[in-house]
């Protein structure tokens, strides 16, 4: 799953909580973060996101929002979570200000909440 967080302190608190709960995560920033999100890339931690974007064609709307947020200095947190433990990861992200949260499956993606 991925979420946008506005502030570095919120990201630090979120990743501390995610790590304590046993989740693997990645924090994306700026241009380097945009490169990870680029669906034309061959490999990387965002391979599932790239595959979904290419398969469903909704990539431009979602990627444009993520790129814009990264350009504005916000951060994107990517979390690896299975179906049985995704709700806890979502709660942690939302509790720490996460917005534009997407749960990503092998061939599906779902927006969590609104905003």
Protein backbone atom coordinates (compact mmCIF):
# COMPACT_ATOMS: atom_id res chain seq x y z
CA UNK A 1 0.00 0.00 0.00
CA UNK A 2 1.02 3.61 -0.40
CA UNK A 3 0.08 6.79 1.46
CA UNK A 4 1.04 10.44 1.32
CA UNK A 5 2.23 12.12 4.50
CA UNK A 6 2.77 15.86 4.81
CA UNK A 7 5.39 16.20 7.49
CA UNK A 8 8.71 14.52 8.27
CA UNK A 9 7.86 14.11 12.00
CA UNK A 10 4.66 12.27 11.05
CA UNK A 11 6.64 10.02 8.72
CA UNK A 12 9.18 9.24 11.45
CA UNK A 13 6.38 8.35 13.89
CA UNK A 14 4.58 6.27 11.26
CA UNK A 15 7.66 4.29 10.26
CA UNK A 16 8.58 3.75 13.92
CA UNK A 17 5.11 2.28 14.48
CA UNK A 18 5.22 0.28 11.24
CA UNK A 19 8.64 -1.12 12.11
CA UNK A 20 7.54 -2.00 15.66
CA UNK A 21 4.57 -3.85 14.18
CA UNK A 22 6.90 -5.84 11.89
CA UNK A 23 6.09 -4.21 8.55
CA UNK A 24 8.58 -3.64 5.74
CA UNK A 25 8.31 -0.13 4.34
CA UNK A 26 9.97 2.43 2.13
CA UNK A 27 9.84 6.22 2.30
CA UNK A 28 9.88 8.03 -1.06
CA UNK A 29 11.10 11.61 -1.37
CA UNK A 30 11.49 14.10 -4.20
CA UNK A 31 12.95 13.14 -7.56
CA UNK A 32 14.30 9.82 -6.31
CA UNK A 33 10.80 8.92 -5.10
CA UNK A 34 9.35 9.84 -8.48
CA UNK A 35 11.85 7.50 -10.16
CA UNK A 36 10.59 4.63 -7.98
CA UNK A 37 7.04 5.39 -9.06
CA UNK A 38 7.89 5.61 -12.77
CA UNK A 39 5.90 2.83 -14.48
CA UNK A 40 8.45 2.65 -17.29
CA UNK A 41 11.12 1.42 -14.86
CA UNK A 42 12.08 -2.24 -14.93
CA UNK A 43 12.60 -3.08 -11.25
CA UNK A 44 12.24 -1.65 -7.79
CA UNK A 45 10.20 -1.72 -4.63
CA UNK A 46 7.19 -0.35 -6.46
CA UNK A 47 6.95 -3.22 -8.98
CA UNK A 48 3.40 -4.11 -7.91
CA UNK A 49 2.26 -0.52 -8.21
CA UNK A 50 3.84 -0.25 -11.66
CA UNK A 51 2.25 -3.49 -12.84
CA UNK A 52 -1.18 -2.37 -11.63
CA UNK A 53 -0.88 1.05 -13.21
CA UNK A 54 0.07 -0.50 -16.53
CA UNK A 55 -2.70 -3.11 -16.36
CA UNK A 56 -5.56 -0.82 -15.40
CA UNK A 57 -4.59 2.41 -17.15
CA UNK A 58 -5.46 4.65 -14.19
CA UNK A 59 -1.80 5.41 -13.66
CA UNK A 60 -1.83 8.96 -14.89
CA UNK A 61 -4.35 10.27 -12.39
CA UNK A 62 -2.74 8.46 -9.45
CA UNK A 63 0.86 9.08 -10.50
CA UNK A 64 0.16 12.75 -11.21
CA UNK A 65 -1.13 13.18 -7.67
CA UNK A 66 1.83 11.32 -6.14
CA UNK A 67 4.33 13.26 -8.31
CA UNK A 68 2.70 16.57 -7.38
CA UNK A 69 2.83 15.74 -3.69
CA UNK A 70 6.49 14.70 -3.93
CA UNK A 71 7.27 17.94 -5.80
CA UNK A 72 5.62 19.87 -2.97
CA UNK A 73 7.93 18.24 -0.43
CA UNK A 74 5.51 15.66 0.90
CA UNK A 75 6.53 12.05 1.34
CA UNK A 76 5.06 8.77 0.10
CA UNK A 77 5.26 5.74 2.37
CA UNK A 78 5.05 2.32 0.75
CA UNK A 79 4.23 -0.61 3.06
CA UNK A 80 4.32 -4.33 2.36
CA UNK A 81 1.32 -5.95 4.04
CA UNK A 82 -0.58 -9.14 3.36
CA UNK A 83 -4.37 -9.34 3.28
CA UNK A 84 -4.51 -10.44 6.93
CA UNK A 85 -2.45 -7.56 8.30
CA UNK A 86 -3.29 -4.72 5.91
CA UNK A 87 -5.89 -3.14 8.20
CA UNK A 88 -3.31 -2.53 10.95
CA UNK A 89 -0.90 -0.91 8.48
CA UNK A 90 -3.71 1.29 7.17
CA UNK A 91 -4.63 2.30 10.72
CA UNK A 92 -1.01 3.23 11.47
CA UNK A 93 -0.69 5.30 8.30
CA UNK A 94 -3.99 7.10 8.88
CA UNK A 95 -3.22 7.69 12.59
CA UNK A 96 -0.07 9.51 11.52
CA UNK A 97 -1.71 11.72 8.91
CA UNK A 98 -1.59 9.41 5.91
CA UNK A 99 -3.87 10.43 3.07
CA UNK A 100 -4.50 9.25 -0.49
CA UNK A 101 -4.03 5.70 0.83
CA UNK A 102 -4.16 2.88 -1.72
CA UNK A 103 -4.18 -0.84 -0.92
CA UNK A 104 -2.41 -2.72 -3.69
CA UNK A 105 -2.92 -6.38 -4.51
CA UNK A 106 -1.32 -8.49 -7.20
CA UNK A 107 -3.86 -7.35 -9.81
CA UNK A 108 -6.11 -4.97 -7.87
CA UNK A 109 -5.90 -1.64 -6.14
CA UNK A 110 -8.38 0.05 -3.86
CA UNK A 111 -8.52 3.55 -2.50
CA UNK A 112 -8.89 3.62 1.27
CA UNK A 113 -11.17 6.31 2.65
CA UNK A 114 -11.71 9.65 0.99
CA UNK A 115 -9.84 12.88 0.37
